Each structure stands twice: as structure tokens, then as C-alpha cells.
All heavy atoms as atom14 arrays in JSON, in Angstrom:
{
  "sequence": "LLILLPFFVSFVIRTVQWQFILADTGIIFGPLKNLGLLSKNFHVL",
  "atom14_mask": [
    [1, 1, 1, 1, 1, 1, 1, 1, 0, 0, 0, 0, 0, 0],
    [1, 1, 1, 1, 1, 1, 1, 1, 0, 0, 0, 0, 0, 0],
    [1, 1, 1, 1, 1, 1, 1, 1, 0, 0, 0, 0, 0, 0],
    [1, 1, 1, 1, 1, 1, 1, 1, 0, 0, 0, 0, 0, 0],
    [1, 1, 1, 1, 1, 1, 1, 1, 0, 0, 0, 0, 0, 0],
    [1, 1, 1, 1, 1, 1, 1, 0, 0, 0, 0, 0, 0, 0],
    [1, 1, 1, 1, 1, 1, 1, 1, 1, 1, 1, 0, 0, 0],
    [1, 1, 1, 1, 1, 1, 1, 1, 1, 1, 1, 0, 0, 0],
    [1, 1, 1, 1, 1, 1, 1, 0, 0, 0, 0, 0, 0, 0],
    [1, 1, 1, 1, 1, 1, 0, 0, 0, 0, 0, 0, 0, 0],
    [1, 1, 1, 1, 1, 1, 1, 1, 1, 1, 1, 0, 0, 0],
    [1, 1, 1, 1, 1, 1, 1, 0, 0, 0, 0, 0, 0, 0],
    [1, 1, 1, 1, 1, 1, 1, 1, 0, 0, 0, 0, 0, 0],
    [1, 1, 1, 1, 1, 1, 1, 1, 1, 1, 1, 0, 0, 0],
    [1, 1, 1, 1, 1, 1, 1, 0, 0, 0, 0, 0, 0, 0],
    [1, 1, 1, 1, 1, 1, 1, 0, 0, 0, 0, 0, 0, 0],
    [1, 1, 1, 1, 1, 1, 1, 1, 1, 0, 0, 0, 0, 0],
    [1, 1, 1, 1, 1, 1, 1, 1, 1, 1, 1, 1, 1, 1],
    [1, 1, 1, 1, 1, 1, 1, 1, 1, 0, 0, 0, 0, 0],
    [1, 1, 1, 1, 1, 1, 1, 1, 1, 1, 1, 0, 0, 0],
    [1, 1, 1, 1, 1, 1, 1, 1, 0, 0, 0, 0, 0, 0],
    [1, 1, 1, 1, 1, 1, 1, 1, 0, 0, 0, 0, 0, 0],
    [1, 1, 1, 1, 1, 0, 0, 0, 0, 0, 0, 0, 0, 0],
    [1, 1, 1, 1, 1, 1, 1, 1, 0, 0, 0, 0, 0, 0],
    [1, 1, 1, 1, 1, 1, 1, 0, 0, 0, 0, 0, 0, 0],
    [1, 1, 1, 1, 0, 0, 0, 0, 0, 0, 0, 0, 0, 0],
    [1, 1, 1, 1, 1, 1, 1, 1, 0, 0, 0, 0, 0, 0],
    [1, 1, 1, 1, 1, 1, 1, 1, 0, 0, 0, 0, 0, 0],
    [1, 1, 1, 1, 1, 1, 1, 1, 1, 1, 1, 0, 0, 0],
    [1, 1, 1, 1, 0, 0, 0, 0, 0, 0, 0, 0, 0, 0],
    [1, 1, 1, 1, 1, 1, 1, 0, 0, 0, 0, 0, 0, 0],
    [1, 1, 1, 1, 1, 1, 1, 1, 0, 0, 0, 0, 0, 0],
    [1, 1, 1, 1, 1, 1, 1, 1, 1, 0, 0, 0, 0, 0],
    [1, 1, 1, 1, 1, 1, 1, 1, 0, 0, 0, 0, 0, 0],
    [1, 1, 1, 1, 1, 1, 1, 1, 0, 0, 0, 0, 0, 0],
    [1, 1, 1, 1, 0, 0, 0, 0, 0, 0, 0, 0, 0, 0],
    [1, 1, 1, 1, 1, 1, 1, 1, 0, 0, 0, 0, 0, 0],
    [1, 1, 1, 1, 1, 1, 1, 1, 0, 0, 0, 0, 0, 0],
    [1, 1, 1, 1, 1, 1, 0, 0, 0, 0, 0, 0, 0, 0],
    [1, 1, 1, 1, 1, 1, 1, 1, 1, 0, 0, 0, 0, 0],
    [1, 1, 1, 1, 1, 1, 1, 1, 0, 0, 0, 0, 0, 0],
    [1, 1, 1, 1, 1, 1, 1, 1, 1, 1, 1, 0, 0, 0],
    [1, 1, 1, 1, 1, 1, 1, 1, 1, 1, 0, 0, 0, 0],
    [1, 1, 1, 1, 1, 1, 1, 0, 0, 0, 0, 0, 0, 0],
    [1, 1, 1, 1, 1, 1, 1, 1, 0, 0, 0, 0, 0, 0]
  ],
  "atom14_positions": [
    [[-80.45, 65.36, -4.62], [-79.79, 64.62, -5.69], [-78.36, 65.13, -5.89], [-77.44, 64.33, -6.13], [-80.58, 64.74, -6.99], [-79.98, 64.05, -8.22], [-79.89, 62.54, -7.97], [-80.82, 64.33, -9.46], [0.0, 0.0, 0.0], [0.0, 0.0, 0.0], [0.0, 0.0, 0.0], [0.0, 0.0, 0.0], [0.0, 0.0, 0.0], [0.0, 0.0, 0.0]],
    [[-78.15, 66.42, -5.79], [-76.8, 66.97, -5.94], [-75.88, 66.49, -4.82], [-74.66, 66.29, -5.05], [-76.85, 68.51, -5.94], [-77.51, 69.15, -7.16], [-77.58, 70.66, -6.99], [-76.76, 68.79, -8.44], [0.0, 0.0, 0.0], [0.0, 0.0, 0.0], [0.0, 0.0, 0.0], [0.0, 0.0, 0.0], [0.0, 0.0, 0.0], [0.0, 0.0, 0.0]],
    [[-76.43, 66.29, -3.63], [-75.62, 65.76, -2.53], [-75.25, 64.31, -2.78], [-74.12, 63.88, -2.51], [-76.39, 65.9, -1.19], [-76.57, 67.38, -0.85], [-75.65, 65.18, -0.07], [-77.44, 67.61, 0.38], [0.0, 0.0, 0.0], [0.0, 0.0, 0.0], [0.0, 0.0, 0.0], [0.0, 0.0, 0.0], [0.0, 0.0, 0.0], [0.0, 0.0, 0.0]],
    [[-76.19, 63.56, -3.34], [-75.95, 62.13, -3.56], [-75.2, 61.85, -4.86], [-74.66, 60.75, -5.03], [-77.28, 61.37, -3.58], [-78.1, 61.4, -2.29], [-79.42, 60.69, -2.5], [-77.33, 60.77, -1.14], [0.0, 0.0, 0.0], [0.0, 0.0, 0.0], [0.0, 0.0, 0.0], [0.0, 0.0, 0.0], [0.0, 0.0, 0.0], [0.0, 0.0, 0.0]],
    [[-75.17, 62.8, -5.77], [-74.61, 62.56, -7.1], [-73.16, 62.09, -7.08], [-72.82, 61.13, -7.78], [-74.75, 63.83, -7.96], [-74.43, 63.68, -9.45], [-75.38, 62.66, -10.08], [-74.55, 65.02, -10.16], [0.0, 0.0, 0.0], [0.0, 0.0, 0.0], [0.0, 0.0, 0.0], [0.0, 0.0, 0.0], [0.0, 0.0, 0.0], [0.0, 0.0, 0.0]],
    [[-72.26, 62.69, -6.3], [-70.88, 62.19, -6.29], [-70.74, 60.76, -5.79], [-69.75, 60.08, -6.08], [-70.15, 63.17, -5.35], [-71.0, 64.39, -5.34], [-72.4, 63.9, -5.48], [0.0, 0.0, 0.0], [0.0, 0.0, 0.0], [0.0, 0.0, 0.0], [0.0, 0.0, 0.0], [0.0, 0.0, 0.0], [0.0, 0.0, 0.0], [0.0, 0.0, 0.0]],
    [[-71.75, 60.3, -5.06], [-71.66, 58.98, -4.45], [-72.16, 57.87, -5.37], [-72.25, 56.71, -4.96], [-72.43, 58.98, -3.12], [-71.83, 59.92, -2.12], [-72.21, 61.25, -2.1], [-70.85, 59.49, -1.25], [-71.65, 62.13, -1.21], [-70.28, 60.36, -0.36], [-70.68, 61.69, -0.33], [0.0, 0.0, 0.0], [0.0, 0.0, 0.0], [0.0, 0.0, 0.0]],
    [[-72.47, 58.23, -6.62], [-72.68, 57.22, -7.63], [-71.35, 56.68, -8.14], [-71.32, 55.69, -8.86], [-73.49, 57.8, -8.79], [-74.95, 57.97, -8.48], [-75.42, 59.16, -7.94], [-75.85, 56.95, -8.69], [-76.77, 59.33, -7.64], [-77.19, 57.11, -8.41], [-77.65, 58.3, -7.88], [0.0, 0.0, 0.0], [0.0, 0.0, 0.0], [0.0, 0.0, 0.0]],
    [[-70.26, 57.36, -7.78], [-68.92, 56.91, -8.13], [-68.43, 55.95, -7.04], [-68.86, 56.03, -5.88], [-67.96, 58.1, -8.27], [-66.56, 57.66, -8.69], [-68.51, 59.11, -9.27], [0.0, 0.0, 0.0], [0.0, 0.0, 0.0], [0.0, 0.0, 0.0], [0.0, 0.0, 0.0], [0.0, 0.0, 0.0], [0.0, 0.0, 0.0], [0.0, 0.0, 0.0]],
    [[-67.54, 55.06, -7.4], [-67.04, 54.06, -6.47], [-66.42, 54.71, -5.23], [-65.78, 55.76, -5.29], [-66.0, 53.18, -7.16], [-65.33, 52.35, -6.24], [0.0, 0.0, 0.0], [0.0, 0.0, 0.0], [0.0, 0.0, 0.0], [0.0, 0.0, 0.0], [0.0, 0.0, 0.0], [0.0, 0.0, 0.0], [0.0, 0.0, 0.0], [0.0, 0.0, 0.0]],
    [[-66.61, 54.04, -4.08], [-66.06, 54.51, -2.81], [-64.55, 54.65, -2.89], [-63.97, 55.64, -2.42], [-66.46, 53.52, -1.71], [-66.07, 53.94, -0.33], [-66.95, 54.68, 0.45], [-64.85, 53.58, 0.21], [-66.59, 55.07, 1.74], [-64.49, 53.96, 1.49], [-65.37, 54.7, 2.26], [0.0, 0.0, 0.0], [0.0, 0.0, 0.0], [0.0, 0.0, 0.0]],
    [[-63.89, 53.67, -3.48], [-62.42, 53.69, -3.56], [-61.95, 54.81, -4.47], [-60.97, 55.51, -4.17], [-61.9, 52.32, -4.06], [-60.38, 52.35, -4.22], [-62.31, 51.21, -3.1], [0.0, 0.0, 0.0], [0.0, 0.0, 0.0], [0.0, 0.0, 0.0], [0.0, 0.0, 0.0], [0.0, 0.0, 0.0], [0.0, 0.0, 0.0], [0.0, 0.0, 0.0]],
    [[-62.63, 55.0, -5.61], [-62.22, 56.06, -6.55], [-62.34, 57.42, -5.89], [-61.47, 58.29, -6.05], [-63.07, 55.97, -7.83], [-62.77, 54.67, -8.58], [-62.81, 57.18, -8.72], [-63.61, 54.47, -9.81], [0.0, 0.0, 0.0], [0.0, 0.0, 0.0], [0.0, 0.0, 0.0], [0.0, 0.0, 0.0], [0.0, 0.0, 0.0], [0.0, 0.0, 0.0]],
    [[-63.41, 57.65, -5.14], [-63.57, 58.93, -4.47], [-62.48, 59.16, -3.44], [-61.99, 60.28, -3.26], [-64.95, 59.01, -3.82], [-66.07, 59.23, -4.81], [-67.4, 59.46, -4.14], [-68.02, 58.21, -3.72], [-68.2, 57.83, -2.47], [-67.79, 58.61, -1.5], [-68.78, 56.68, -2.19], [0.0, 0.0, 0.0], [0.0, 0.0, 0.0], [0.0, 0.0, 0.0]],
    [[-62.07, 58.1, -2.76], [-61.01, 58.23, -1.76], [-59.67, 58.5, -2.43], [-58.86, 59.3, -1.92], [-60.93, 56.95, -0.91], [-62.22, 56.66, -0.36], [-59.94, 57.12, 0.22], [0.0, 0.0, 0.0], [0.0, 0.0, 0.0], [0.0, 0.0, 0.0], [0.0, 0.0, 0.0], [0.0, 0.0, 0.0], [0.0, 0.0, 0.0], [0.0, 0.0, 0.0]],
    [[-59.42, 57.85, -3.57], [-58.18, 58.11, -4.3], [-58.13, 59.56, -4.79], [-57.07, 60.19, -4.81], [-58.05, 57.11, -5.47], [-56.88, 57.49, -6.38], [-57.86, 55.7, -4.94], [0.0, 0.0, 0.0], [0.0, 0.0, 0.0], [0.0, 0.0, 0.0], [0.0, 0.0, 0.0], [0.0, 0.0, 0.0], [0.0, 0.0, 0.0], [0.0, 0.0, 0.0]],
    [[-59.27, 60.11, -5.19], [-59.31, 61.51, -5.6], [-58.93, 62.42, -4.45], [-58.26, 63.45, -4.65], [-60.72, 61.86, -6.12], [-61.09, 61.16, -7.41], [-60.11, 61.46, -8.54], [-59.67, 62.58, -8.72], [-59.77, 60.44, -9.3], [0.0, 0.0, 0.0], [0.0, 0.0, 0.0], [0.0, 0.0, 0.0], [0.0, 0.0, 0.0], [0.0, 0.0, 0.0]],
    [[-59.34, 62.08, -3.24], [-58.9, 62.85, -2.09], [-57.39, 62.77, -1.91], [-56.76, 63.73, -1.45], [-59.61, 62.34, -0.82], [-60.87, 63.08, -0.54], [-62.11, 62.78, -0.98], [-61.0, 64.28, 0.22], [-63.02, 63.72, -0.53], [-62.36, 64.65, 0.22], [-60.09, 65.07, 0.92], [-62.84, 65.77, 0.88], [-60.57, 66.2, 1.58], [-61.91, 66.54, 1.55]],
    [[-56.82, 61.64, -2.27], [-55.36, 61.52, -2.2], [-54.68, 62.5, -3.14], [-53.67, 63.13, -2.79], [-54.94, 60.08, -2.53], [-53.46, 59.79, -2.32], [-53.12, 58.36, -2.69], [-53.67, 57.82, -3.65], [-52.24, 57.74, -1.94], [0.0, 0.0, 0.0], [0.0, 0.0, 0.0], [0.0, 0.0, 0.0], [0.0, 0.0, 0.0], [0.0, 0.0, 0.0]],
    [[-55.25, 62.66, -4.34], [-54.7, 63.63, -5.29], [-54.89, 65.06, -4.79], [-54.0, 65.91, -4.93], [-55.37, 63.47, -6.65], [-55.04, 62.18, -7.33], [-55.97, 61.53, -8.14], [-53.8, 61.59, -7.17], [-55.66, 60.35, -8.77], [-53.48, 60.39, -7.79], [-54.42, 59.76, -8.6], [0.0, 0.0, 0.0], [0.0, 0.0, 0.0], [0.0, 0.0, 0.0]],
    [[-56.03, 65.34, -4.19], [-56.3, 66.69, -3.71], [-55.38, 67.08, -2.55], [-54.87, 68.21, -2.49], [-57.78, 66.81, -3.27], [-58.7, 66.66, -4.49], [-58.05, 68.14, -2.56], [-60.17, 66.6, -4.13], [0.0, 0.0, 0.0], [0.0, 0.0, 0.0], [0.0, 0.0, 0.0], [0.0, 0.0, 0.0], [0.0, 0.0, 0.0], [0.0, 0.0, 0.0]],
    [[-55.15, 66.15, -1.64], [-54.35, 66.44, -0.44], [-52.88, 66.14, -0.62], [-52.11, 66.25, 0.35], [-54.89, 65.62, 0.74], [-56.34, 65.88, 1.14], [-56.75, 64.98, 2.3], [-56.55, 67.35, 1.51], [0.0, 0.0, 0.0], [0.0, 0.0, 0.0], [0.0, 0.0, 0.0], [0.0, 0.0, 0.0], [0.0, 0.0, 0.0], [0.0, 0.0, 0.0]],
    [[-52.44, 65.79, -1.82], [-51.02, 65.5, -2.06], [-50.17, 66.74, -1.84], [-50.66, 67.89, -1.94], [-50.83, 64.95, -3.47], [0.0, 0.0, 0.0], [0.0, 0.0, 0.0], [0.0, 0.0, 0.0], [0.0, 0.0, 0.0], [0.0, 0.0, 0.0], [0.0, 0.0, 0.0], [0.0, 0.0, 0.0], [0.0, 0.0, 0.0], [0.0, 0.0, 0.0]],
    [[-48.9, 66.54, -1.55], [-47.99, 67.66, -1.29], [-47.89, 68.6, -2.48], [-47.71, 69.81, -2.31], [-46.6, 67.13, -0.91], [-46.63, 66.37, 0.4], [-47.62, 66.52, 1.15], [-45.68, 65.61, 0.68], [0.0, 0.0, 0.0], [0.0, 0.0, 0.0], [0.0, 0.0, 0.0], [0.0, 0.0, 0.0], [0.0, 0.0, 0.0], [0.0, 0.0, 0.0]],
    [[-48.0, 68.06, -3.68], [-47.94, 68.87, -4.9], [-49.28, 68.87, -5.62], [-49.33, 69.02, -6.84], [-46.83, 68.35, -5.83], [-47.1, 66.97, -6.15], [-45.46, 68.46, -5.19], [0.0, 0.0, 0.0], [0.0, 0.0, 0.0], [0.0, 0.0, 0.0], [0.0, 0.0, 0.0], [0.0, 0.0, 0.0], [0.0, 0.0, 0.0], [0.0, 0.0, 0.0]],
    [[-50.36, 68.69, -4.88], [-51.68, 68.62, -5.48], [-52.22, 69.98, -5.86], [-51.51, 71.01, -5.82], [0.0, 0.0, 0.0], [0.0, 0.0, 0.0], [0.0, 0.0, 0.0], [0.0, 0.0, 0.0], [0.0, 0.0, 0.0], [0.0, 0.0, 0.0], [0.0, 0.0, 0.0], [0.0, 0.0, 0.0], [0.0, 0.0, 0.0], [0.0, 0.0, 0.0]],
    [[-53.5, 70.01, -6.22], [-54.09, 71.25, -6.73], [-54.3, 72.29, -5.64], [-54.54, 73.47, -5.94], [-55.44, 70.93, -7.42], [-56.41, 70.29, -6.42], [-55.23, 70.02, -8.62], [-57.79, 70.04, -6.99], [0.0, 0.0, 0.0], [0.0, 0.0, 0.0], [0.0, 0.0, 0.0], [0.0, 0.0, 0.0], [0.0, 0.0, 0.0], [0.0, 0.0, 0.0]],
    [[-54.21, 71.9, -4.37], [-54.39, 72.86, -3.28], [-53.05, 73.28, -2.7], [-52.73, 74.48, -2.66], [-55.29, 72.26, -2.18], [-56.7, 72.02, -2.72], [-55.34, 73.19, -0.97], [-57.64, 71.4, -1.72], [0.0, 0.0, 0.0], [0.0, 0.0, 0.0], [0.0, 0.0, 0.0], [0.0, 0.0, 0.0], [0.0, 0.0, 0.0], [0.0, 0.0, 0.0]],
    [[-52.26, 72.32, -2.26], [-51.03, 72.66, -1.55], [-49.87, 72.96, -2.5], [-48.93, 73.66, -2.11], [-50.64, 71.51, -0.61], [-51.68, 71.23, 0.42], [-52.34, 70.02, 0.45], [-52.02, 72.18, 1.37], [-53.31, 69.76, 1.4], [-52.98, 71.94, 2.32], [-53.63, 70.72, 2.33], [0.0, 0.0, 0.0], [0.0, 0.0, 0.0], [0.0, 0.0, 0.0]],
    [[-49.92, 72.44, -3.72], [-48.85, 72.73, -4.68], [-48.72, 74.22, -4.99], [-47.65, 74.81, -4.83], [0.0, 0.0, 0.0], [0.0, 0.0, 0.0], [0.0, 0.0, 0.0], [0.0, 0.0, 0.0], [0.0, 0.0, 0.0], [0.0, 0.0, 0.0], [0.0, 0.0, 0.0], [0.0, 0.0, 0.0], [0.0, 0.0, 0.0], [0.0, 0.0, 0.0]],
    [[-49.81, 74.89, -5.44], [-49.71, 76.33, -5.69], [-49.36, 77.15, -4.45], [-48.63, 78.15, -4.55], [-51.11, 76.68, -6.2], [-51.64, 75.41, -6.76], [-51.08, 74.33, -5.88], [0.0, 0.0, 0.0], [0.0, 0.0, 0.0], [0.0, 0.0, 0.0], [0.0, 0.0, 0.0], [0.0, 0.0, 0.0], [0.0, 0.0, 0.0], [0.0, 0.0, 0.0]],
    [[-49.87, 76.75, -3.28], [-49.56, 77.49, -2.06], [-48.07, 77.39, -1.72], [-47.47, 78.36, -1.24], [-50.4, 76.96, -0.9], [-51.91, 77.19, -1.0], [-52.62, 76.57, 0.19], [-52.23, 78.68, -1.07], [0.0, 0.0, 0.0], [0.0, 0.0, 0.0], [0.0, 0.0, 0.0], [0.0, 0.0, 0.0], [0.0, 0.0, 0.0], [0.0, 0.0, 0.0]],
    [[-47.47, 76.23, -1.97], [-46.04, 76.08, -1.73], [-45.23, 76.87, -2.75], [-44.2, 77.47, -2.43], [-45.66, 74.6, -1.77], [-46.15, 73.8, -0.58], [-45.69, 72.35, -0.65], [-46.16, 71.59, 0.57], [-45.71, 70.17, 0.56], [0.0, 0.0, 0.0], [0.0, 0.0, 0.0], [0.0, 0.0, 0.0], [0.0, 0.0, 0.0], [0.0, 0.0, 0.0]],
    [[-45.69, 76.89, -4.0], [-44.98, 77.66, -5.02], [-45.02, 79.15, -4.74], [-44.08, 79.88, -5.08], [-45.59, 77.37, -6.4], [-45.36, 75.92, -6.83], [-44.39, 75.28, -6.41], [-46.26, 75.41, -7.64], [0.0, 0.0, 0.0], [0.0, 0.0, 0.0], [0.0, 0.0, 0.0], [0.0, 0.0, 0.0], [0.0, 0.0, 0.0], [0.0, 0.0, 0.0]],
    [[-46.11, 79.62, -4.11], [-46.22, 81.03, -3.76], [-45.52, 81.36, -2.45], [-45.44, 82.54, -2.07], [-47.69, 81.43, -3.64], [-48.51, 81.38, -4.94], [-49.98, 81.65, -4.66], [-47.97, 82.39, -5.95], [0.0, 0.0, 0.0], [0.0, 0.0, 0.0], [0.0, 0.0, 0.0], [0.0, 0.0, 0.0], [0.0, 0.0, 0.0], [0.0, 0.0, 0.0]],
    [[-44.99, 80.37, -1.78], [-44.29, 80.6, -0.52], [-45.2, 80.74, 0.68], [-44.74, 81.11, 1.77], [0.0, 0.0, 0.0], [0.0, 0.0, 0.0], [0.0, 0.0, 0.0], [0.0, 0.0, 0.0], [0.0, 0.0, 0.0], [0.0, 0.0, 0.0], [0.0, 0.0, 0.0], [0.0, 0.0, 0.0], [0.0, 0.0, 0.0], [0.0, 0.0, 0.0]],
    [[-46.48, 80.45, 0.52], [-47.41, 80.56, 1.64], [-47.31, 79.36, 2.58], [-47.74, 79.45, 3.74], [-48.84, 80.7, 1.11], [-49.1, 81.93, 0.23], [-50.53, 81.92, -0.29], [-48.81, 83.22, 1.01], [0.0, 0.0, 0.0], [0.0, 0.0, 0.0], [0.0, 0.0, 0.0], [0.0, 0.0, 0.0], [0.0, 0.0, 0.0], [0.0, 0.0, 0.0]],
    [[-46.78, 78.26, 2.08], [-46.57, 77.07, 2.9], [-45.14, 76.6, 2.72], [-44.54, 76.79, 1.64], [-47.53, 75.95, 2.5], [-49.03, 76.17, 2.77], [-49.83, 74.99, 2.23], [-49.3, 76.36, 4.26], [0.0, 0.0, 0.0], [0.0, 0.0, 0.0], [0.0, 0.0, 0.0], [0.0, 0.0, 0.0], [0.0, 0.0, 0.0], [0.0, 0.0, 0.0]],
    [[-44.6, 76.0, 3.75], [-43.23, 75.48, 3.66], [-43.19, 74.23, 2.8], [-44.21, 73.55, 2.63], [-42.69, 75.17, 5.06], [-43.45, 74.13, 5.67], [0.0, 0.0, 0.0], [0.0, 0.0, 0.0], [0.0, 0.0, 0.0], [0.0, 0.0, 0.0], [0.0, 0.0, 0.0], [0.0, 0.0, 0.0], [0.0, 0.0, 0.0], [0.0, 0.0, 0.0]],
    [[-42.05, 73.94, 2.28], [-41.91, 72.76, 1.42], [-42.13, 71.46, 2.18], [-42.49, 70.44, 1.58], [-40.52, 72.75, 0.78], [-40.24, 73.94, -0.14], [-41.16, 73.92, -1.34], [-40.86, 75.07, -2.29], [-41.76, 75.09, -3.49], [0.0, 0.0, 0.0], [0.0, 0.0, 0.0], [0.0, 0.0, 0.0], [0.0, 0.0, 0.0], [0.0, 0.0, 0.0]],
    [[-41.92, 71.47, 3.49], [-42.07, 70.26, 4.28], [-43.51, 70.04, 4.76], [-43.79, 69.03, 5.41], [-41.15, 70.31, 5.5], [-39.68, 70.34, 5.1], [-39.29, 69.75, 4.08], [-38.85, 71.03, 5.9], [0.0, 0.0, 0.0], [0.0, 0.0, 0.0], [0.0, 0.0, 0.0], [0.0, 0.0, 0.0], [0.0, 0.0, 0.0], [0.0, 0.0, 0.0]],
    [[-44.4, 70.98, 4.47], [-45.78, 70.84, 4.91], [-46.48, 69.72, 4.14], [-46.36, 69.64, 2.92], [-46.52, 72.17, 4.69], [-47.96, 72.12, 5.12], [-48.31, 72.34, 6.44], [-48.97, 71.85, 4.2], [-49.64, 72.3, 6.83], [-50.29, 71.8, 4.58], [-50.63, 72.02, 5.91], [0.0, 0.0, 0.0], [0.0, 0.0, 0.0], [0.0, 0.0, 0.0]],
    [[-47.18, 68.87, 4.85], [-47.93, 67.79, 4.21], [-49.13, 67.41, 5.06], [-49.12, 67.61, 6.28], [-47.04, 66.56, 3.97], [-46.62, 65.88, 5.23], [-45.57, 66.33, 6.01], [-47.11, 64.77, 5.86], [-45.42, 65.54, 7.07], [-46.35, 64.59, 7.01], [0.0, 0.0, 0.0], [0.0, 0.0, 0.0], [0.0, 0.0, 0.0], [0.0, 0.0, 0.0]],
    [[-50.15, 66.9, 4.41], [-51.38, 66.48, 5.09], [-51.58, 64.98, 4.99], [-52.11, 64.36, 5.91], [-52.6, 67.23, 4.51], [-53.89, 66.75, 5.14], [-52.45, 68.73, 4.71], [0.0, 0.0, 0.0], [0.0, 0.0, 0.0], [0.0, 0.0, 0.0], [0.0, 0.0, 0.0], [0.0, 0.0, 0.0], [0.0, 0.0, 0.0], [0.0, 0.0, 0.0]],
    [[-51.18, 64.39, 3.88], [-51.31, 62.94, 3.72], [-50.54, 62.2, 4.82], [-49.53, 62.69, 5.32], [-50.81, 62.5, 2.35], [-51.73, 62.8, 1.16], [-51.06, 62.36, -0.13], [-53.09, 62.13, 1.31], [0.0, 0.0, 0.0], [0.0, 0.0, 0.0], [0.0, 0.0, 0.0], [0.0, 0.0, 0.0], [0.0, 0.0, 0.0], [0.0, 0.0, 0.0]]
  ]
}
């Protein structure tokens, strides 16, 4: 049930959330760039 639980949300909404996560200034790459661990030109999207 825990594996299936996120998939009760719309397919499109879940994909858009991945867009926020993988954004250049998102919750993952934004702090890493601010700490200098990644270059400013690094992007995944």
C-alpha cells in the first residue's frame, strides 16, 4: 500500500512535482549550487 499510495495522485501532478524537484533552483540542486558543490550552469531538466 505504501508503494501504491503516491499513485493515487494524478499522473500529471506527480510528473510536475518531479519538475520542481529537478529544477535548477529546486530543493536538491539549489542548495548544492549555493554551497558551491555544483556549477551554476549545471542542470538536469
